[in-house]
Amino acid sequence: MLDLGRSFLASVERNPSATAIVDGTLRLTYGEWFERIRAVAGGLSALGLKRGDHLIVILQNRWEAATVHWACQFAGVIVTPLNWRVKPDEIDYCASDADARMVLFQDMSAEAVAASPVAQKLPRITVGDVPGGTLRFEDLLSSAPSSTLLNAGADDWSLMLYTSGTTGRPKGVPRRHRHERTAALAHVAQNLYRYGERTLGVMPLYHTMGVRSLLAMALIDGRFVCVPKFDSAAVLQAIAKEGITNLYLVPTLYHDVIAHPDAAQADLSTVRKLGFAGAPMNEALLQKLDARFKPELFVNHYGSSEVYTFTIDQEAVRKPGSAGKAGINQRIRVVKLDTASPEKFAAVGEEGQIIADMASDESFEGYWNRPDADAKSLHEGWYFTGDTGYVDAEGDLFVTGRVDDMMISGGENISPVEIESLLSLHPAVDEVAVVGLPDERWGQRVTAFIKRRGEVTGEDLDAHCVRSGLANFKRPRGYVFVREVPRSPVGKLLRRKLVANEYESET
């Protein structure tokens, strides 16, 4: 298999004059971008970074971040991106865990880098006019290319993402060139991308969705349009200006884009393919997107940093909530909740834990320096995702939440996703999250946290649940109206904050 450096070269050779990357007023063809990438790769090597070394990258989605990502693929360096909102102690942990040799950062993260004792002991490359560095990114651009351009093979490490760490220390997920290339090819195939597609680089490059968009566009001589920080108005403008053909976002960002006042009049006609991942999409949002974009293809992609694709549904609106069937490089199963055996299948319609075959070409091989995490998640060649779900009579997978999110009320197991989807269909509900709060009698009390778009009461919503046929034991026993439903920077619902009373009520 080709490594990623050779893969990029193939795209340059195919169509050097095609526009490859756009960032504001900067526009580079594949030929022009390659010259910058090879210079940065040469500069990193000249600074002493060797094959297999980790480079910590703390940047927004700007052309420099995409350039460094590709430069590392040529240099054989393991690009290790962190959230640009990172805190000093997180830099300390991740840089130490990865045994990083260098840090690259911009103004948004300069304060955190300055307060990180570990980062201060390392060479530090700054992007833009930022204090606290030992070298500027602009200096790398003037470097001579390495005498050996291609310094990695398909079995070398390409990337290490850190999981969000919402339930403990973040876990490093190392992935080889062949893992990354296979996942990118699958992304192209499963989203029916053609040569010359144009996508928005909205999802951050410290997240698997952002990396997949970057690599997929390069494989098909496509255009990657950088969006350094999500802004609905800027996204709408970029779609029209650049003739964006596909979007790949988390549901929260879709929600914010079409809720923007400019969305009704925006020119979205070039967008023919929609894809989402990262979280389930409720039925109301599915319907709104389908009506607004009228896409040729609407893909629900279910996966993870560890194993890029679990399942794909290319007709997301046909059966709301369905994550479809296993991707082209994967096998999945649903096993009983109380087992660590991949052979103890859950019955059709029975909720269990979703597991994936680690023999997949897209699969990681284990966590970085975390045998405890491996022991919890890896069993007999299968990756136990920690997600709950069930398979229906047609063989389609439905993801219902996390094992840790499962509510037990009055002895009944209750997943929140079905309730959330139903409540989202009420016209006065903007966003909803359902959690189990401690209850002396029931064990947990099913409680819905609602961000309103119009006037509505808890009694109104309960009547909506009754009319919709929701089983009595699943009906929320309490409604809390909030200003915002708490989410992570990439749109993941943070139920733990609701349980911990970390929210602002709306009166």
Protein backbone atom coordinates (compact mmCIF):
# COMPACT_ATOMS: atom_id res chain seq x y z
CA MET A 1 0.00 0.00 0.00
CA LEU A 2 1.12 3.57 -0.67
CA ASP A 3 2.07 5.69 2.30
CA LEU A 4 0.47 9.12 2.61
CA GLY A 5 3.46 11.03 1.23
CA ARG A 6 3.35 9.05 -1.99
CA SER A 7 -0.44 9.44 -2.03
CA PHE A 8 -0.12 13.21 -1.98
CA LEU A 9 2.56 13.11 -4.68
CA ALA A 10 0.20 11.10 -6.88
CA SER A 11 -2.39 13.88 -6.62
CA VAL A 12 0.21 16.54 -7.43
CA GLU A 13 1.32 14.58 -10.49
CA ARG A 14 -2.26 14.03 -11.67
CA ASN A 15 -3.36 17.64 -11.55
CA PRO A 16 -0.74 20.16 -10.31
CA SER A 17 -2.84 23.16 -11.40
CA ALA A 18 -5.99 22.18 -9.46
CA THR A 19 -6.82 24.40 -6.49
CA ALA A 20 -5.90 22.39 -3.40
CA ILE A 21 -6.41 24.65 -0.40
CA VAL A 22 -8.10 27.95 0.34
CA ASP A 23 -7.70 30.02 3.52
CA GLY A 24 -9.18 33.49 3.26
CA THR A 25 -7.35 35.21 0.42
CA LEU A 26 -4.72 32.46 0.16
CA ARG A 27 -5.27 30.01 -2.69
CA LEU A 28 -2.74 27.32 -3.57
CA THR A 29 -2.72 24.76 -6.34
CA TYR A 30 -1.46 21.25 -5.66
CA GLY A 31 1.85 22.15 -7.28
CA GLU A 32 2.24 25.33 -5.21
CA TRP A 33 1.16 23.66 -1.98
CA PHE A 34 3.57 20.78 -2.51
CA GLU A 35 6.51 23.20 -2.66
CA ARG A 36 5.53 24.62 0.73
CA ILE A 37 4.92 21.19 2.21
CA ARG A 38 8.30 19.84 1.12
CA ALA A 39 10.03 22.95 2.51
CA VAL A 40 8.32 22.51 5.90
CA ALA A 41 9.22 18.81 5.91
CA GLY A 42 12.83 19.73 5.22
CA GLY A 43 12.77 22.34 7.97
CA LEU A 44 11.42 19.89 10.54
CA SER A 45 14.14 17.41 9.63
CA ALA A 46 16.81 20.10 9.84
CA LEU A 47 15.59 20.91 13.37
CA GLY A 48 16.28 17.32 14.38
CA LEU A 49 12.85 15.73 14.14
CA LYS A 50 13.35 12.14 13.06
CA ARG A 51 11.15 9.37 11.75
CA GLY A 52 8.87 8.24 14.58
CA ASP A 53 9.18 11.45 16.63
CA HIS A 54 6.04 13.24 17.84
CA LEU A 55 5.26 16.86 16.93
CA ILE A 56 2.58 18.47 19.10
CA VAL A 57 0.43 20.78 16.93
CA ILE A 58 -1.95 23.26 18.58
CA LEU A 59 -3.57 25.17 15.72
CA GLN A 60 -6.96 26.11 14.39
CA ASN A 61 -8.01 24.92 10.92
CA ARG A 62 -5.70 27.18 8.96
CA TRP A 63 -3.51 26.40 5.98
CA GLU A 64 -0.43 26.07 8.18
CA ALA A 65 -2.08 23.25 10.17
CA ALA A 66 -2.96 21.35 6.98
CA THR A 67 0.56 21.98 5.63
CA VAL A 68 2.25 20.65 8.75
CA HIS A 69 0.02 17.58 8.72
CA TRP A 70 1.17 16.70 5.21
CA ALA A 71 4.79 17.66 5.91
CA CYS A 72 4.86 15.15 8.75
CA GLN A 73 3.68 12.42 6.37
CA PHE A 74 6.70 13.08 4.16
CA ALA A 75 9.13 13.43 7.06
CA GLY A 76 7.95 10.31 8.88
CA VAL A 77 7.06 12.42 11.93
CA ILE A 78 3.95 11.52 13.97
CA VAL A 79 1.66 14.55 13.89
CA THR A 80 0.01 14.84 17.31
CA PRO A 81 -2.67 17.55 17.28
CA LEU A 82 -4.34 18.99 20.38
CA ASN A 83 -7.41 21.15 20.82
CA TRP A 84 -6.39 24.80 20.41
CA ARG A 85 -8.37 25.52 23.61
CA VAL A 86 -6.03 23.17 25.49
CA LYS A 87 -5.03 23.90 29.10
CA PRO A 88 -1.44 23.89 30.38
CA ASP A 89 -1.85 20.66 32.37
CA GLU A 90 -3.26 18.93 29.28
CA ILE A 91 -0.23 20.00 27.26
CA ASP A 92 2.00 18.68 30.04
CA TYR A 93 0.24 15.33 30.07
CA CYS A 94 0.01 14.78 26.30
CA ALA A 95 3.51 16.04 25.49
CA SER A 96 4.99 13.84 28.22
CA ASP A 97 2.88 10.83 27.28
CA ALA A 98 3.90 11.12 23.62
CA ASP A 99 7.52 11.98 24.47
CA ALA A 100 7.08 14.91 22.08
CA ARG A 101 10.18 16.54 20.60
CA MET A 102 8.65 19.86 19.55
CA VAL A 103 5.53 22.05 19.86
CA LEU A 104 3.90 24.19 17.16
CA PHE A 105 1.27 26.74 18.21
CA GLN A 106 -0.50 30.04 17.43
CA ASP A 107 -1.83 33.04 19.36
CA MET A 108 -4.98 31.26 20.61
CA SER A 109 -2.89 28.75 22.57
CA ALA A 110 0.17 30.88 23.40
CA GLU A 111 -0.87 31.47 27.00
CA ALA A 112 -1.35 27.76 27.67
CA VAL A 113 1.99 26.89 26.07
CA ALA A 114 3.74 29.56 28.15
CA ALA A 115 2.22 28.07 31.32
CA SER A 116 3.21 24.49 30.44
CA PRO A 117 6.51 23.46 32.08
CA VAL A 118 6.89 20.55 29.65
CA ALA A 119 6.36 22.73 26.58
CA GLN A 120 8.86 25.29 27.85
CA LYS A 121 11.60 22.65 27.78
CA LEU A 122 10.96 21.88 24.10
CA PRO A 123 11.69 23.76 20.86
CA ARG A 124 8.58 25.84 20.09
CA ILE A 125 7.50 26.94 16.61
CA THR A 126 5.07 29.85 16.40
CA VAL A 127 2.59 30.57 13.62
CA GLY A 128 2.06 34.30 13.14
CA ASP A 129 3.38 37.13 15.26
CA VAL A 130 3.32 35.28 18.58
CA PRO A 131 5.76 35.55 21.49
CA GLY A 132 7.20 32.55 23.29
CA GLY A 133 8.65 30.59 20.40
CA THR A 134 12.17 29.52 19.56
CA LEU A 135 11.45 29.54 15.81
CA ARG A 136 8.83 30.91 13.43
CA PHE A 137 6.79 28.86 10.99
CA GLU A 138 7.83 31.33 8.28
CA ASP A 139 11.42 30.14 8.77
CA LEU A 140 10.36 26.59 7.93
CA LEU A 141 8.89 27.78 4.65
CA SER A 142 12.32 29.01 3.54
CA SER A 143 14.01 25.71 4.41
CA ALA A 144 15.63 23.50 1.81
CA PRO A 145 13.77 20.24 1.10
CA SER A 146 15.27 17.10 2.59
CA SER A 147 17.67 15.13 0.42
CA THR A 148 15.24 12.21 0.89
CA LEU A 149 11.70 13.41 0.31
CA LEU A 150 9.86 10.21 1.27
CA ASN A 151 10.83 9.08 4.75
CA ALA A 152 7.88 6.89 5.75
CA GLY A 153 6.26 3.69 4.59
CA ALA A 154 2.74 2.36 4.92
CA ASP A 155 3.54 0.67 8.26
CA ASP A 156 5.00 3.78 9.90
CA TRP A 157 2.99 5.82 12.37
CA SER A 158 1.20 8.76 10.77
CA LEU A 159 -0.92 10.37 13.45
CA MET A 160 -1.83 10.21 17.10
CA LEU A 161 -5.13 11.69 18.20
CA TYR A 162 -6.00 12.13 21.85
CA THR A 163 -9.52 11.21 22.88
CA SER A 164 -11.50 13.86 24.71
CA GLY A 165 -10.87 12.39 28.14
CA THR A 166 -14.35 13.26 29.46
CA THR A 167 -14.19 10.33 31.88
CA GLY A 168 -10.51 10.42 32.78
CA ARG A 169 -7.08 10.99 31.27
CA PRO A 170 -7.10 11.38 27.50
CA LYS A 171 -5.98 8.31 25.58
CA GLY A 172 -3.53 8.45 22.69
CA VAL A 173 -4.80 6.70 19.56
CA PRO A 174 -1.82 5.98 17.27
CA ARG A 175 -2.59 5.19 13.63
CA ARG A 176 -0.31 4.04 10.83
CA HIS A 177 -0.16 5.42 7.30
CA ARG A 178 -2.08 2.40 6.04
CA HIS A 179 -4.83 2.91 8.65
CA GLU A 180 -5.20 6.54 7.65
CA ARG A 181 -5.09 5.96 3.90
CA THR A 182 -7.60 3.10 4.08
CA ALA A 183 -9.97 5.22 6.16
CA ALA A 184 -9.67 8.11 3.69
CA LEU A 185 -10.36 5.83 0.74
CA ALA A 186 -13.39 4.40 2.53
CA HIS A 187 -14.59 7.95 3.20
CA VAL A 188 -14.33 8.73 -0.51
CA ALA A 189 -16.18 5.56 -1.48
CA GLN A 190 -18.92 5.67 1.14
CA ASN A 191 -19.70 9.33 0.45
CA LEU A 192 -19.54 8.84 -3.34
CA TYR A 193 -16.96 11.59 -3.80
CA ARG A 194 -15.76 12.39 -7.32
CA TYR A 195 -12.56 14.06 -8.53
CA GLY A 196 -12.54 17.74 -7.76
CA GLU A 197 -15.00 17.73 -4.85
CA ARG A 198 -14.92 20.80 -2.62
CA THR A 199 -15.42 20.60 1.12
CA LEU A 200 -15.27 22.92 4.09
CA GLY A 201 -12.44 22.27 6.55
CA VAL A 202 -14.72 22.98 9.51
CA MET A 203 -14.19 19.95 11.71
CA PRO A 204 -10.93 20.47 13.62
CA LEU A 205 -7.76 18.70 12.57
CA TYR A 206 -7.38 17.29 16.09
CA HIS A 207 -10.57 15.29 15.39
CA THR A 208 -10.88 12.23 13.16
CA MET A 209 -13.59 13.87 11.04
CA GLY A 210 -11.40 16.84 10.23
CA VAL A 211 -8.42 14.66 9.33
CA ARG A 212 -10.61 12.48 7.13
CA SER A 213 -11.87 15.48 5.16
CA LEU A 214 -8.31 16.72 4.66
CA LEU A 215 -6.97 13.38 3.41
CA ALA A 216 -10.01 12.51 1.32
CA MET A 217 -9.84 15.77 -0.63
CA ALA A 218 -6.15 15.23 -1.40
CA LEU A 219 -6.77 11.72 -2.73
CA ILE A 220 -9.22 13.06 -5.34
CA ASP A 221 -7.51 16.38 -6.18
CA GLY A 222 -10.28 18.11 -4.26
CA ARG A 223 -10.39 21.49 -2.57
CA PHE A 224 -10.06 21.94 1.19
CA VAL A 225 -11.50 25.31 2.28
CA CYS A 226 -10.22 26.20 5.73
CA VAL A 227 -12.60 27.51 8.40
CA PRO A 228 -10.31 28.37 11.34
CA LYS A 229 -13.16 28.87 13.80
CA PHE A 230 -16.75 27.86 13.22
CA ASP A 231 -19.08 30.72 12.42
CA SER A 232 -22.43 30.08 10.75
CA ALA A 233 -22.42 33.26 8.66
CA ALA A 234 -18.87 32.60 7.43
CA VAL A 235 -19.79 29.00 6.58
CA LEU A 236 -22.79 30.11 4.51
CA GLN A 237 -20.65 32.65 2.66
CA ALA A 238 -17.89 30.11 2.00
CA ILE A 239 -20.35 27.57 0.60
CA ALA A 240 -21.57 30.08 -1.98
CA LYS A 241 -18.18 31.62 -2.79
CA GLU A 242 -16.27 28.36 -3.23
CA GLY A 243 -19.07 26.26 -4.70
CA ILE A 244 -18.81 23.69 -1.91
CA THR A 245 -20.07 20.29 -3.09
CA ASN A 246 -20.15 18.29 0.15
CA LEU A 247 -20.38 18.89 3.88
CA TYR A 248 -19.21 16.58 6.65
CA LEU A 249 -20.15 17.97 10.06
CA VAL A 250 -21.43 17.01 13.48
CA PRO A 251 -25.18 17.54 13.99
CA THR A 252 -24.65 20.58 16.23
CA LEU A 253 -22.92 22.52 13.46
CA TYR A 254 -25.64 21.65 10.95
CA HIS A 255 -28.19 22.87 13.48
CA ASP A 256 -26.38 26.18 13.90
CA VAL A 257 -25.91 26.72 10.15
CA ILE A 258 -29.55 26.31 9.15
CA ALA A 259 -30.78 28.18 12.25
CA HIS A 260 -28.81 31.28 11.19
CA PRO A 261 -30.97 34.14 9.86
CA ASP A 262 -29.02 34.18 6.58
CA ALA A 263 -29.65 30.49 5.87
CA ALA A 264 -33.06 30.97 4.30
CA GLN A 265 -31.67 33.19 1.51
CA ALA A 266 -28.19 31.66 1.18
CA ASP A 267 -27.14 29.98 -2.06
CA LEU A 268 -26.60 26.35 -1.06
CA SER A 269 -27.32 24.87 -4.47
CA THR A 270 -23.82 23.46 -5.05
CA VAL A 271 -23.97 21.22 -1.97
CA ARG A 272 -25.19 17.85 -3.20
CA LYS A 273 -23.86 15.52 -0.50
CA LEU A 274 -24.33 15.74 3.25
CA GLY A 275 -22.56 13.58 5.79
CA PHE A 276 -22.67 13.63 9.57
CA ALA A 277 -20.96 11.78 12.40
CA GLY A 278 -19.89 12.31 15.99
CA ALA A 279 -23.38 12.02 17.49
CA PRO A 280 -26.89 10.85 16.55
CA MET A 281 -28.99 13.35 14.59
CA ASN A 282 -32.54 13.81 15.77
CA GLU A 283 -35.42 13.38 13.35
CA ALA A 284 -36.43 17.04 13.32
CA LEU A 285 -32.98 18.17 12.21
CA LEU A 286 -32.81 15.43 9.57
CA GLN A 287 -36.06 16.68 8.08
CA LYS A 288 -34.97 20.33 8.10
CA LEU A 289 -31.66 19.58 6.37
CA ASP A 290 -33.31 17.39 3.79
CA ALA A 291 -35.84 20.11 2.98
CA ARG A 292 -33.23 22.89 2.81
CA PHE A 293 -30.45 21.17 0.87
CA LYS A 294 -32.39 18.49 -1.04
CA PRO A 295 -29.17 16.44 -1.19
CA GLU A 296 -28.50 13.61 -3.61
CA LEU A 297 -26.84 11.72 -0.76
CA PHE A 298 -27.35 12.03 3.00
CA VAL A 299 -24.92 9.83 4.92
CA ASN A 300 -25.00 8.90 8.59
CA HIS A 301 -21.45 7.80 9.36
CA TYR A 302 -20.93 6.03 12.69
CA GLY A 303 -17.33 5.54 13.76
CA SER A 304 -14.58 6.60 16.14
CA SER A 305 -10.99 7.76 16.38
CA GLU A 306 -9.95 4.19 17.10
CA VAL A 307 -11.74 2.50 14.19
CA TYR A 308 -12.75 5.12 11.69
CA THR A 309 -15.87 3.44 10.22
CA PHE A 310 -18.26 1.18 12.08
CA THR A 311 -21.40 1.57 9.97
CA ILE A 312 -22.81 3.68 7.12
CA ASP A 313 -26.35 4.63 6.14
CA GLN A 314 -26.43 6.46 2.80
CA GLU A 315 -30.14 7.25 3.13
CA ALA A 316 -30.22 8.84 6.54
CA VAL A 317 -33.72 10.30 6.15
CA ARG A 318 -35.28 6.98 5.07
CA LYS A 319 -35.11 5.50 8.54
CA PRO A 320 -34.36 8.23 11.13
CA GLY A 321 -31.96 7.03 13.80
CA SER A 322 -30.54 4.22 11.70
CA ALA A 323 -26.75 4.04 11.50
CA GLY A 324 -27.12 1.48 8.73
CA LYS A 325 -24.88 -1.49 8.16
CA ALA A 326 -21.17 -2.20 8.53
CA GLY A 327 -18.82 -0.12 6.39
CA ILE A 328 -16.85 -1.62 3.51
CA ASN A 329 -13.85 -2.34 5.75
CA GLN A 330 -15.69 -3.51 8.84
CA ARG A 331 -17.68 -6.17 10.69
CA ILE A 332 -19.79 -5.21 13.69
CA ARG A 333 -21.79 -7.02 16.34
CA VAL A 334 -24.08 -6.14 19.20
CA VAL A 335 -23.36 -8.22 22.30
CA LYS A 336 -25.04 -8.42 25.65
CA LEU A 337 -24.36 -5.53 28.01
CA ASP A 338 -22.82 -7.64 30.75
CA THR A 339 -20.29 -9.54 28.65
CA ALA A 340 -16.70 -9.19 27.47
CA SER A 341 -17.16 -12.00 24.98
CA PRO A 342 -17.67 -11.18 21.29
CA GLU A 343 -19.66 -14.42 20.96
CA LYS A 344 -22.55 -13.53 23.28
CA PHE A 345 -24.83 -11.87 20.76
CA ALA A 346 -27.77 -9.71 21.73
CA ALA A 347 -31.04 -10.72 20.09
CA VAL A 348 -32.63 -8.72 17.30
CA GLY A 349 -34.09 -5.60 18.89
CA GLU A 350 -32.25 -6.21 22.18
CA GLU A 351 -30.06 -3.39 23.41
CA GLY A 352 -26.41 -4.31 23.93
CA GLN A 353 -22.87 -3.03 23.44
CA ILE A 354 -21.61 -2.41 19.91
CA ILE A 355 -18.28 -4.02 19.03
CA ALA A 356 -16.08 -3.85 15.93
CA ASP A 357 -13.59 -6.26 14.37
CA MET A 358 -10.01 -5.05 14.90
CA ALA A 359 -8.85 -6.94 11.82
CA SER A 360 -10.28 -4.01 9.83
CA ASP A 361 -7.70 -2.12 7.78
CA GLU A 362 -9.06 1.06 9.37
CA SER A 363 -8.56 -0.13 12.95
CA PHE A 364 -5.97 1.04 15.42
CA GLU A 365 -3.93 -1.59 17.25
CA GLY A 366 -4.20 -0.38 20.84
CA TYR A 367 -3.85 2.74 22.95
CA TRP A 368 -0.55 4.53 23.51
CA ASN A 369 0.98 3.64 26.89
CA ARG A 370 -2.44 2.57 28.24
CA PRO A 371 -2.60 -1.17 28.95
CA ASP A 372 -5.48 -0.42 31.33
CA ALA A 373 -7.54 1.03 28.49
CA ASP A 374 -6.60 -1.88 26.23
CA ALA A 375 -7.72 -4.34 28.89
CA LYS A 376 -11.10 -2.61 29.15
CA SER A 377 -11.82 -2.20 25.43
CA LEU A 378 -10.00 -4.93 23.49
CA HIS A 379 -11.23 -8.51 23.78
CA GLU A 380 -10.47 -11.48 21.52
CA GLY A 381 -9.72 -9.32 18.50
CA TRP A 382 -12.73 -7.06 18.92
CA TYR A 383 -12.98 -3.41 19.98
CA PHE A 384 -15.72 -2.82 22.57
CA THR A 385 -16.89 0.68 21.72
CA GLY A 386 -18.68 1.55 24.95
CA ASP A 387 -21.70 2.50 22.81
CA THR A 388 -25.10 0.90 23.22
CA GLY A 389 -27.41 -0.04 20.38
CA TYR A 390 -29.49 -2.69 18.74
CA VAL A 391 -30.01 -4.24 15.32
CA ASP A 392 -33.52 -4.23 13.85
CA ALA A 393 -35.20 -6.95 11.78
CA GLU A 394 -33.70 -5.52 8.57
CA GLY A 395 -30.17 -5.67 9.97
CA ASP A 396 -29.79 -1.92 10.48
CA LEU A 397 -27.95 -0.68 13.54
CA PHE A 398 -29.45 1.89 15.88
CA VAL A 399 -27.06 3.62 18.30
CA THR A 400 -28.83 4.49 21.52
CA GLY A 401 -26.10 6.07 23.62
CA ARG A 402 -23.17 5.16 25.78
CA VAL A 403 -23.00 2.31 28.25
CA ASP A 404 -22.37 4.95 30.91
CA ASP A 405 -25.45 6.95 29.75
CA MET A 406 -27.87 4.05 30.21
CA MET A 407 -30.56 4.97 32.71
CA ILE A 408 -32.12 2.43 35.06
CA SER A 409 -35.46 3.66 36.38
CA GLY A 410 -37.73 1.36 38.34
CA GLY A 411 -35.64 -1.59 37.20
CA GLU A 412 -36.05 -0.76 33.48
CA ASN A 413 -33.09 -0.03 31.19
CA ILE A 414 -33.78 3.20 29.30
CA SER A 415 -31.62 4.82 26.62
CA PRO A 416 -31.92 8.58 26.08
CA VAL A 417 -31.66 8.84 22.27
CA GLU A 418 -35.22 7.69 21.45
CA ILE A 419 -36.69 10.16 23.93
CA GLU A 420 -34.50 12.99 22.65
CA SER A 421 -35.49 12.34 19.05
CA LEU A 422 -39.17 12.33 19.90
CA LEU A 423 -38.99 15.57 21.91
CA SER A 424 -36.98 17.24 19.13
CA LEU A 425 -40.06 16.98 16.89
CA HIS A 426 -42.02 19.39 19.07
CA PRO A 427 -41.97 22.76 17.27
CA ALA A 428 -41.02 24.68 20.43
CA VAL A 429 -37.95 22.54 21.15
CA ASP A 430 -34.62 23.76 19.80
CA GLU A 431 -32.29 21.26 21.53
CA VAL A 432 -32.84 18.49 24.06
CA ALA A 433 -30.78 16.20 26.27
CA VAL A 434 -32.14 13.42 28.48
CA VAL A 435 -30.33 12.08 31.55
CA GLY A 436 -31.09 10.06 34.65
CA LEU A 437 -30.93 12.05 37.89
CA PRO A 438 -30.67 10.30 41.26
CA ASP A 439 -34.03 9.38 42.72
CA GLU A 440 -34.68 7.70 46.06
CA ARG A 441 -37.63 5.67 44.81
CA TRP A 442 -36.86 5.00 41.13
CA GLY A 443 -33.08 4.82 41.31
CA GLN A 444 -32.87 7.32 38.46
CA ARG A 445 -35.49 9.82 37.35
CA VAL A 446 -35.69 10.35 33.59
CA THR A 447 -35.23 14.09 33.12
CA ALA A 448 -35.28 16.16 29.93
CA PHE A 449 -33.23 19.34 29.61
CA ILE A 450 -34.76 21.60 26.97
CA LYS A 451 -33.50 24.63 25.07
CA ARG A 452 -36.68 26.29 23.79
CA ARG A 453 -37.34 28.03 20.48
CA GLY A 454 -40.88 29.02 21.54
CA GLU A 455 -43.27 28.99 24.47
CA VAL A 456 -43.76 25.51 25.92
CA THR A 457 -44.24 23.95 29.36
CA GLY A 458 -43.33 20.62 30.85
CA GLU A 459 -47.00 19.68 30.74
CA ASP A 460 -47.09 20.44 27.01
CA LEU A 461 -44.07 18.23 26.39
CA ASP A 462 -45.45 15.40 28.48
CA ALA A 463 -48.66 15.52 26.46
CA HIS A 464 -46.54 15.39 23.29
CA CYS A 465 -44.84 12.21 24.57
CA VAL A 466 -48.21 10.63 25.34
CA ARG A 467 -49.61 11.51 21.89
CA SER A 468 -46.47 10.13 20.25
CA GLY A 469 -46.93 6.74 21.92
CA LEU A 470 -43.78 6.80 24.07
CA ALA A 471 -43.88 3.97 26.61
CA ASN A 472 -44.96 5.22 30.02
CA PHE A 473 -41.77 4.08 31.79
CA LYS A 474 -39.67 6.09 29.30
CA ARG A 475 -41.55 9.38 29.70
CA PRO A 476 -39.51 12.09 31.42
CA ARG A 477 -40.60 12.71 34.99
CA GLY A 478 -39.10 16.17 34.98
CA TYR A 479 -38.34 18.97 32.52
CA VAL A 480 -35.63 21.59 33.00
CA PHE A 481 -35.41 24.56 30.65
CA VAL A 482 -31.84 25.71 30.00
CA ARG A 483 -30.14 28.51 28.06
CA GLU A 484 -27.76 26.06 26.35
CA VAL A 485 -27.35 22.30 26.23
CA PRO A 486 -23.69 21.66 27.18
CA ARG A 487 -21.50 20.27 24.40
CA SER A 488 -17.81 19.70 23.74
CA PRO A 489 -15.91 21.80 21.15
CA VAL A 490 -16.75 19.19 18.50
CA GLY A 491 -20.43 19.02 19.39
CA LYS A 492 -20.60 15.98 21.65
CA LEU A 493 -23.35 16.16 24.23
CA LEU A 494 -21.91 16.42 27.76
CA ARG A 495 -24.56 14.69 29.84
CA ARG A 496 -22.27 14.54 32.84
CA LYS A 497 -22.52 18.34 33.19
CA LEU A 498 -26.27 18.12 33.45
CA VAL A 499 -26.05 15.44 36.13
CA ALA A 500 -23.53 17.63 37.99
CA ASN A 501 -25.82 20.71 37.75
CA GLU A 502 -23.33 22.50 35.52
CA TYR A 503 -25.82 24.42 33.40
CA GLU A 504 -27.68 27.72 33.36
CA SER A 505 -31.43 27.49 33.86
CA GLU A 506 -33.84 29.57 31.83
CA THR A 507 -36.55 31.21 33.87
